[in-house]
Amino acid sequence: MTKIDKLNTDLEIKLGEKPFIDPSAKILNSSFGKYTQIGEFTNISNTVLDDYSYISEYSQVDNTEIGKFANIASNVRINPGFHPYEMPCQHHMLYRKKMYGFGENDEAFFNYREVQKVHIGHDVWIGQAAVIMPSVKIGNGAIIGSNAVVTKDVPPFAIVAGVSAKILKYRFTKDIIKRIEEISWWDWSHEELYKRLDDLKDIRKFVYKYSK
């Protein structure tokens, strides 16, 4: 009998000014802020990931702008490519013509995909295997449940789940949400975050201390 305590475990990762990107990830035309992390076998293209955000393993993200402190779980799909279902044929031979010897690719179609960006706010949590469809906007502080398929915009601090995703509730009252957005703690400096970290653990103390 062989006992294994640890197998293929990485050393503790320490994040810094430069993004930590796993060597197995595939990146194309994308930008990353400080203290960001990209997990194993993740594919990212035409995307901006702002400070302190992370994308976990086996996720795929295209044509997306992601705010600060975003928490993206594994196997998430953001802005999947769509097929031209309004035509008689849905096959990608219509726009990936080179693959089939049909001439040049349809760059106008690919441009049409690219302009339908997804926008994800600050401090958003996206659960495992969720799918965010093209052109969706997700507000600050929102939570997307695991396996949800998000086809419509999600308001700030809403919790959504299901297929298609629906609002279950809001994390806080409208007045508290307004105060959190006014405080905009996600714009604090690294030093301010270090000093005020405990204040982010209690909503009552937080609002009382930092509201104008």
C-alpha atoms as a PDB file:
ATOM      1  CA  MET A   1       0.000   0.000   0.000  1.00  0.00           C
ATOM      2  CA  THR A   2       1.446   3.394  -1.044  1.00  0.00           C
ATOM      3  CA  LYS A   3       0.486   6.485   0.908  1.00  0.00           C
ATOM      4  CA  ILE A   4       0.734   9.817  -0.970  1.00  0.00           C
ATOM      5  CA  ASP A   5       0.573  13.007   1.064  1.00  0.00           C
ATOM      6  CA  LYS A   6       1.149  15.423  -1.788  1.00  0.00           C
ATOM      7  CA  LEU A   7       1.344  15.037  -5.544  1.00  0.00           C
ATOM      8  CA  ASN A   8       2.149  17.713  -8.135  1.00  0.00           C
ATOM      9  CA  THR A   9       1.459  20.527  -5.684  1.00  0.00           C
ATOM     10  CA  ASP A  10       2.932  23.924  -6.514  1.00  0.00           C
ATOM     11  CA  LEU A  11       4.812  26.052  -4.077  1.00  0.00           C
ATOM     12  CA  GLU A  12       2.814  28.857  -2.536  1.00  0.00           C
ATOM     13  CA  ILE A  13       2.251  31.573  -5.113  1.00  0.00           C
ATOM     14  CA  LYS A  14       3.163  35.118  -4.164  1.00  0.00           C
ATOM     15  CA  LEU A  15       1.566  37.723  -6.411  1.00  0.00           C
ATOM     16  CA  GLY A  16       3.067  41.093  -7.262  1.00  0.00           C
ATOM     17  CA  GLU A  17       3.221  43.888  -9.826  1.00  0.00           C
ATOM     18  CA  LYS A  18       3.535  41.427 -12.704  1.00  0.00           C
ATOM     19  CA  PRO A  19       0.697  38.983 -13.413  1.00  0.00           C
ATOM     20  CA  PHE A  20       1.168  35.332 -12.536  1.00  0.00           C
ATOM     21  CA  ILE A  21       0.230  33.300 -15.609  1.00  0.00           C
ATOM     22  CA  ASP A  22       0.471  29.528 -15.565  1.00  0.00           C
ATOM     23  CA  PRO A  23       2.739  28.248 -18.376  1.00  0.00           C
ATOM     24  CA  SER A  24      -0.074  26.096 -19.759  1.00  0.00           C
ATOM     25  CA  ALA A  25      -2.367  29.097 -20.358  1.00  0.00           C
ATOM     26  CA  LYS A  26      -2.869  30.459 -23.873  1.00  0.00           C
ATOM     27  CA  ILE A  27      -2.973  34.256 -24.126  1.00  0.00           C
ATOM     28  CA  LEU A  28      -3.689  36.422 -27.175  1.00  0.00           C
ATOM     29  CA  ASN A  29      -3.842  40.227 -27.347  1.00  0.00           C
ATOM     30  CA  SER A  30      -4.739  40.693 -23.665  1.00  0.00           C
ATOM     31  CA  SER A  31      -3.631  42.915 -20.769  1.00  0.00           C
ATOM     32  CA  PHE A  32      -3.329  42.152 -17.062  1.00  0.00           C
ATOM     33  CA  GLY A  33      -3.105  44.409 -14.022  1.00  0.00           C
ATOM     34  CA  LYS A  34      -1.004  43.933 -10.911  1.00  0.00           C
ATOM     35  CA  TYR A  35      -1.648  41.086  -8.462  1.00  0.00           C
ATOM     36  CA  THR A  36      -3.556  39.120 -11.108  1.00  0.00           C
ATOM     37  CA  GLN A  37      -3.468  35.359 -11.561  1.00  0.00           C
ATOM     38  CA  ILE A  38      -4.302  33.063 -14.485  1.00  0.00           C
ATOM     39  CA  GLY A  39      -4.827  29.356 -13.819  1.00  0.00           C
ATOM     40  CA  GLU A  40      -3.845  26.226 -15.693  1.00  0.00           C
ATOM     41  CA  PHE A  41      -5.032  25.571 -19.250  1.00  0.00           C
ATOM     42  CA  THR A  42      -6.957  28.827 -19.443  1.00  0.00           C
ATOM     43  CA  ASN A  43      -7.530  30.465 -22.851  1.00  0.00           C
ATOM     44  CA  ILE A  44      -7.800  34.258 -22.937  1.00  0.00           C
ATOM     45  CA  SER A  45      -8.032  36.549 -25.961  1.00  0.00           C
ATOM     46  CA  ASN A  46      -8.793  40.239 -26.567  1.00  0.00           C
ATOM     47  CA  THR A  47      -9.386  40.760 -22.845  1.00  0.00           C
ATOM     48  CA  VAL A  48      -8.421  43.228 -20.114  1.00  0.00           C
ATOM     49  CA  LEU A  49      -8.118  41.902 -16.549  1.00  0.00           C
ATOM     50  CA  ASP A  50      -7.712  44.664 -13.977  1.00  0.00           C
ATOM     51  CA  ASP A  51      -5.805  44.610 -10.670  1.00  0.00           C
ATOM     52  CA  TYR A  52      -6.225  41.772  -8.129  1.00  0.00           C
ATOM     53  CA  SER A  53      -8.527  39.711 -10.350  1.00  0.00           C
ATOM     54  CA  TYR A  54      -8.017  36.026 -11.074  1.00  0.00           C
ATOM     55  CA  ILE A  55      -9.263  33.445 -13.538  1.00  0.00           C
ATOM     56  CA  SER A  56      -9.132  29.813 -12.451  1.00  0.00           C
ATOM     57  CA  GLU A  57      -8.148  26.748 -14.433  1.00  0.00           C
ATOM     58  CA  TYR A  58      -9.807  25.549 -17.644  1.00  0.00           C
ATOM     59  CA  SER A  59     -11.699  28.780 -18.219  1.00  0.00           C
ATOM     60  CA  GLN A  60     -12.072  30.503 -21.586  1.00  0.00           C
ATOM     61  CA  VAL A  61     -12.491  34.267 -21.891  1.00  0.00           C
ATOM     62  CA  ASP A  62     -12.814  36.284 -25.117  1.00  0.00           C
ATOM     63  CA  ASN A  63     -13.490  39.962 -25.879  1.00  0.00           C
ATOM     64  CA  THR A  64     -14.103  40.948 -22.272  1.00  0.00           C
ATOM     65  CA  GLU A  65     -13.284  43.838 -19.944  1.00  0.00           C
ATOM     66  CA  ILE A  66     -12.970  42.694 -16.342  1.00  0.00           C
ATOM     67  CA  GLY A  67     -12.702  45.043 -13.373  1.00  0.00           C
ATOM     68  CA  LYS A  68     -10.677  44.771 -10.178  1.00  0.00           C
ATOM     69  CA  PHE A  69     -10.981  41.995  -7.587  1.00  0.00           C
ATOM     70  CA  ALA A  70     -12.967  39.715  -9.912  1.00  0.00           C
ATOM     71  CA  ASN A  71     -13.189  36.122  -8.701  1.00  0.00           C
ATOM     72  CA  ILE A  72     -13.644  33.757 -11.645  1.00  0.00           C
ATOM     73  CA  ALA A  73     -13.879  30.045 -10.872  1.00  0.00           C
ATOM     74  CA  SER A  74     -12.789  27.089 -12.990  1.00  0.00           C
ATOM     75  CA  ASN A  75     -14.409  26.015 -16.265  1.00  0.00           C
ATOM     76  CA  VAL A  76     -16.077  29.396 -16.773  1.00  0.00           C
ATOM     77  CA  ARG A  77     -16.896  30.491 -20.340  1.00  0.00           C
ATOM     78  CA  ILE A  78     -17.146  34.219 -20.999  1.00  0.00           C
ATOM     79  CA  ASN A  79     -18.302  35.557 -24.365  1.00  0.00           C
ATOM     80  CA  PRO A  80     -18.478  32.316 -26.359  1.00  0.00           C
ATOM     81  CA  GLY A  81     -18.403  32.570 -30.127  1.00  0.00           C
ATOM     82  CA  PHE A  82     -21.784  32.378 -31.814  1.00  0.00           C
ATOM     83  CA  HIS A  83     -22.867  30.939 -35.142  1.00  0.00           C
ATOM     84  CA  PRO A  84     -24.909  32.823 -37.770  1.00  0.00           C
ATOM     85  CA  TYR A  85     -28.191  31.011 -37.115  1.00  0.00           C
ATOM     86  CA  GLU A  86     -30.139  33.545 -39.186  1.00  0.00           C
ATOM     87  CA  MET A  87     -28.585  32.022 -42.334  1.00  0.00           C
ATOM     88  CA  PRO A  88     -29.587  28.787 -44.090  1.00  0.00           C
ATOM     89  CA  CYS A  89     -26.318  27.210 -42.861  1.00  0.00           C
ATOM     90  CA  GLN A  90     -24.782  27.545 -39.371  1.00  0.00           C
ATOM     91  CA  HIS A  91     -21.422  25.902 -40.075  1.00  0.00           C
ATOM     92  CA  HIS A  92     -18.224  27.901 -39.571  1.00  0.00           C
ATOM     93  CA  MET A  93     -17.118  27.175 -43.120  1.00  0.00           C
ATOM     94  CA  LEU A  94     -19.082  30.350 -43.923  1.00  0.00           C
ATOM     95  CA  TYR A  95     -16.524  32.535 -42.127  1.00  0.00           C
ATOM     96  CA  ARG A  96     -13.486  30.241 -41.640  1.00  0.00           C
ATOM     97  CA  LYS A  97     -13.189  29.756 -45.393  1.00  0.00           C
ATOM     98  CA  LYS A  98      -9.426  29.148 -45.499  1.00  0.00           C
ATOM     99  CA  MET A  99      -9.807  25.888 -43.568  1.00  0.00           C
ATOM    100  CA  TYR A 100     -11.868  24.467 -46.400  1.00  0.00           C
ATOM    101  CA  GLY A 101     -10.170  26.052 -49.370  1.00  0.00           C
ATOM    102  CA  PHE A 102     -13.102  28.402 -49.958  1.00  0.00           C
ATOM    103  CA  GLY A 103     -11.071  31.626 -50.064  1.00  0.00           C
ATOM    104  CA  GLU A 104     -10.359  34.307 -47.490  1.00  0.00           C
ATOM    105  CA  ASN A 105     -11.915  34.334 -44.035  1.00  0.00           C
ATOM    106  CA  ASP A 106     -14.860  36.639 -43.364  1.00  0.00           C
ATOM    107  CA  GLU A 107     -13.143  39.342 -41.283  1.00  0.00           C
ATOM    108  CA  ALA A 108     -16.365  41.358 -41.014  1.00  0.00           C
ATOM    109  CA  PHE A 109     -17.981  38.462 -39.136  1.00  0.00           C
ATOM    110  CA  PHE A 110     -15.075  38.184 -36.687  1.00  0.00           C
ATOM    111  CA  ASN A 111     -15.150  41.946 -36.144  1.00  0.00           C
ATOM    112  CA  TYR A 112     -18.887  41.691 -35.429  1.00  0.00           C
ATOM    113  CA  ARG A 113     -18.088  39.155 -32.701  1.00  0.00           C
ATOM    114  CA  GLU A 114     -15.349  41.312 -31.207  1.00  0.00           C
ATOM    115  CA  VAL A 115     -17.456  44.451 -30.811  1.00  0.00           C
ATOM    116  CA  GLN A 116     -19.997  42.554 -28.689  1.00  0.00           C
ATOM    117  CA  LYS A 117     -17.834  42.755 -25.596  1.00  0.00           C
ATOM    118  CA  VAL A 118     -18.722  41.522 -22.145  1.00  0.00           C
ATOM    119  CA  HIS A 119     -18.179  44.007 -19.295  1.00  0.00           C
ATOM    120  CA  ILE A 120     -17.628  42.707 -15.767  1.00  0.00           C
ATOM    121  CA  GLY A 121     -17.468  45.111 -12.826  1.00  0.00           C
ATOM    122  CA  HIS A 122     -15.345  45.148  -9.677  1.00  0.00           C
ATOM    123  CA  ASP A 123     -15.521  42.476  -6.962  1.00  0.00           C
ATOM    124  CA  VAL A 124     -17.691  40.155  -9.054  1.00  0.00           C
ATOM    125  CA  TRP A 125     -17.788  36.454  -8.181  1.00  0.00           C
ATOM    126  CA  ILE A 126     -18.479  34.045 -11.057  1.00  0.00           C
ATOM    127  CA  GLY A 127     -19.108  30.454  -9.968  1.00  0.00           C
ATOM    128  CA  GLN A 128     -17.791  27.281 -11.525  1.00  0.00           C
ATOM    129  CA  ALA A 129     -18.866  26.424 -15.081  1.00  0.00           C
ATOM    130  CA  ALA A 130     -20.972  29.561 -15.511  1.00  0.00           C
ATOM    131  CA  VAL A 131     -21.449  30.916 -19.043  1.00  0.00           C
ATOM    132  CA  ILE A 132     -21.630  34.655 -19.751  1.00  0.00           C
ATOM    133  CA  MET A 133     -23.091  35.373 -23.176  1.00  0.00           C
ATOM    134  CA  PRO A 134     -21.940  38.148 -25.565  1.00  0.00           C
ATOM    135  CA  SER A 135     -22.688  41.832 -24.804  1.00  0.00           C
ATOM    136  CA  VAL A 136     -23.702  41.131 -21.185  1.00  0.00           C
ATOM    137  CA  LYS A 137     -22.806  43.694 -18.508  1.00  0.00           C
ATOM    138  CA  ILE A 138     -22.323  42.519 -14.930  1.00  0.00           C
ATOM    139  CA  GLY A 139     -22.404  45.185 -12.228  1.00  0.00           C
ATOM    140  CA  ASN A 140     -20.035  45.632  -9.306  1.00  0.00           C
ATOM    141  CA  GLY A 141     -20.317  43.145  -6.469  1.00  0.00           C
ATOM    142  CA  ALA A 142     -22.600  40.724  -8.326  1.00  0.00           C
ATOM    143  CA  ILE A 143     -22.562  36.969  -7.795  1.00  0.00           C
ATOM    144  CA  ILE A 144     -23.118  34.497 -10.645  1.00  0.00           C
ATOM    145  CA  GLY A 145     -24.093  31.015  -9.470  1.00  0.00           C
ATOM    146  CA  SER A 146     -22.332  27.861 -10.629  1.00  0.00           C
ATOM    147  CA  ASN A 147     -23.549  26.513 -13.989  1.00  0.00           C
ATOM    148  CA  ALA A 148     -25.605  29.652 -14.621  1.00  0.00           C
ATOM    149  CA  VAL A 149     -26.109  30.853 -18.186  1.00  0.00           C
ATOM    150  CA  VAL A 150     -26.236  34.644 -18.146  1.00  0.00           C
ATOM    151  CA  THR A 151     -28.033  36.116 -21.148  1.00  0.00           C
ATOM    152  CA  LYS A 152     -29.033  39.529 -19.721  1.00  0.00           C
ATOM    153  CA  ASP A 153     -27.310  42.331 -17.810  1.00  0.00           C
ATOM    154  CA  VAL A 154     -26.873  41.769 -14.078  1.00  0.00           C
ATOM    155  CA  PRO A 155     -27.368  44.760 -11.728  1.00  0.00           C
ATOM    156  CA  PRO A 156     -24.736  45.651  -9.096  1.00  0.00           C
ATOM    157  CA  PHE A 157     -24.706  43.365  -6.035  1.00  0.00           C
ATOM    158  CA  ALA A 158     -27.378  41.048  -7.463  1.00  0.00           C
ATOM    159  CA  ILE A 159     -27.157  37.282  -6.972  1.00  0.00           C
ATOM    160  CA  VAL A 160     -28.235  35.346 -10.061  1.00  0.00           C
ATOM    161  CA  ALA A 161     -28.458  31.655 -10.886  1.00  0.00           C
ATOM    162  CA  GLY A 162     -30.094  29.247 -13.283  1.00  0.00           C
ATOM    163  CA  VAL A 163     -30.588  28.762 -17.016  1.00  0.00           C
ATOM    164  CA  SER A 164     -31.279  31.420 -18.133  1.00  0.00           C
ATOM    165  CA  ALA A 165     -29.996  33.180 -15.028  1.00  0.00           C
ATOM    166  CA  LYS A 166     -32.523  35.076 -12.909  1.00  0.00           C
ATOM    167  CA  ILE A 167     -32.091  37.388  -9.928  1.00  0.00           C
ATOM    168  CA  LEU A 168     -32.531  35.511  -6.648  1.00  0.00           C
ATOM    169  CA  LYS A 169     -31.872  38.463  -4.357  1.00  0.00           C
ATOM    170  CA  TYR A 170     -29.502  41.345  -3.679  1.00  0.00           C
ATOM    171  CA  ARG A 171     -26.598  41.170  -1.283  1.00  0.00           C
ATOM    172  CA  PHE A 172     -27.590  44.401   0.481  1.00  0.00           C
ATOM    173  CA  THR A 173     -30.315  47.030   0.558  1.00  0.00           C
ATOM    174  CA  LYS A 174     -30.365  49.776  -2.079  1.00  0.00           C
ATOM    175  CA  ASP A 175     -28.986  52.331   0.396  1.00  0.00           C
ATOM    176  CA  ILE A 176     -26.085  50.085   1.423  1.00  0.00           C
ATOM    177  CA  ILE A 177     -25.276  49.300  -2.211  1.00  0.00           C
ATOM    178  CA  LYS A 178     -25.244  53.017  -3.000  1.00  0.00           C
ATOM    179  CA  ARG A 179     -22.841  53.681  -0.132  1.00  0.00           C
ATOM    180  CA  ILE A 180     -20.478  50.877  -1.114  1.00  0.00           C
ATOM    181  CA  GLU A 181     -20.314  52.163  -4.680  1.00  0.00           C
ATOM    182  CA  GLU A 182     -19.665  55.700  -3.420  1.00  0.00           C
ATOM    183  CA  ILE A 183     -16.848  54.460  -1.188  1.00  0.00           C
ATOM    184  CA  SER A 184     -15.371  52.447  -4.125  1.00  0.00           C
ATOM    185  CA  TRP A 185     -12.967  50.527  -1.919  1.00  0.00           C
ATOM    186  CA  TRP A 186     -11.664  48.731  -5.037  1.00  0.00           C
ATOM    187  CA  ASP A 187      -9.798  51.934  -5.904  1.00  0.00           C
ATOM    188  CA  TRP A 188      -7.821  51.927  -2.657  1.00  0.00           C
ATOM    189  CA  SER A 189      -4.046  51.625  -2.950  1.00  0.00           C
ATOM    190  CA  HIS A 190      -2.234  48.432  -1.957  1.00  0.00           C
ATOM    191  CA  GLU A 191      -1.087  50.123   1.229  1.00  0.00           C
ATOM    192  CA  GLU A 192      -4.644  51.234   2.073  1.00  0.00           C
ATOM    193  CA  LEU A 193      -5.937  47.727   1.493  1.00  0.00           C
ATOM    194  CA  TYR A 194      -3.294  46.340   3.828  1.00  0.00           C
ATOM    195  CA  LYS A 195      -4.216  48.753   6.606  1.00  0.00           C
ATOM    196  CA  ARG A 196      -7.985  48.449   6.136  1.00  0.00           C
ATOM    197  CA  LEU A 197      -8.320  44.732   5.374  1.00  0.00           C
ATOM    198  CA  ASP A 198     -10.215  43.962   8.579  1.00  0.00           C
ATOM    199  CA  ASP A 199     -12.704  46.756   7.807  1.00  0.00           C
ATOM    200  CA  LEU A 200     -13.810  44.813   4.722  1.00  0.00           C
ATOM    201  CA  LYS A 201     -15.064  41.949   6.924  1.00  0.00           C
ATOM    202  CA  ASP A 202     -17.990  43.779   8.569  1.00  0.00           C
ATOM    203  CA  ILE A 203     -20.500  45.677   6.420  1.00  0.00           C
ATOM    204  CA  ARG A 204     -21.906  47.722   9.307  1.00  0.00           C
ATOM    205  CA  LYS A 205     -18.545  48.954  10.529  1.00  0.00           C
ATOM    206  CA  PHE A 206     -17.376  49.470   6.966  1.00  0.00           C
ATOM    207  CA  VAL A 207     -20.294  51.706   5.961  1.00  0.00           C
ATOM    208  CA  TYR A 208     -20.178  53.634   9.222  1.00  0.00           C
ATOM    209  CA  LYS A 209     -16.445  54.261   9.005  1.00  0.00           C
ATOM    210  CA  TYR A 210     -16.100  55.195   5.333  1.00  0.00           C
ATOM    211  CA  SER A 211     -19.387  56.834   4.360  1.00  0.00           C
ATOM    212  CA  LYS A 212     -19.134  60.563   3.682  1.00  0.00           C
END
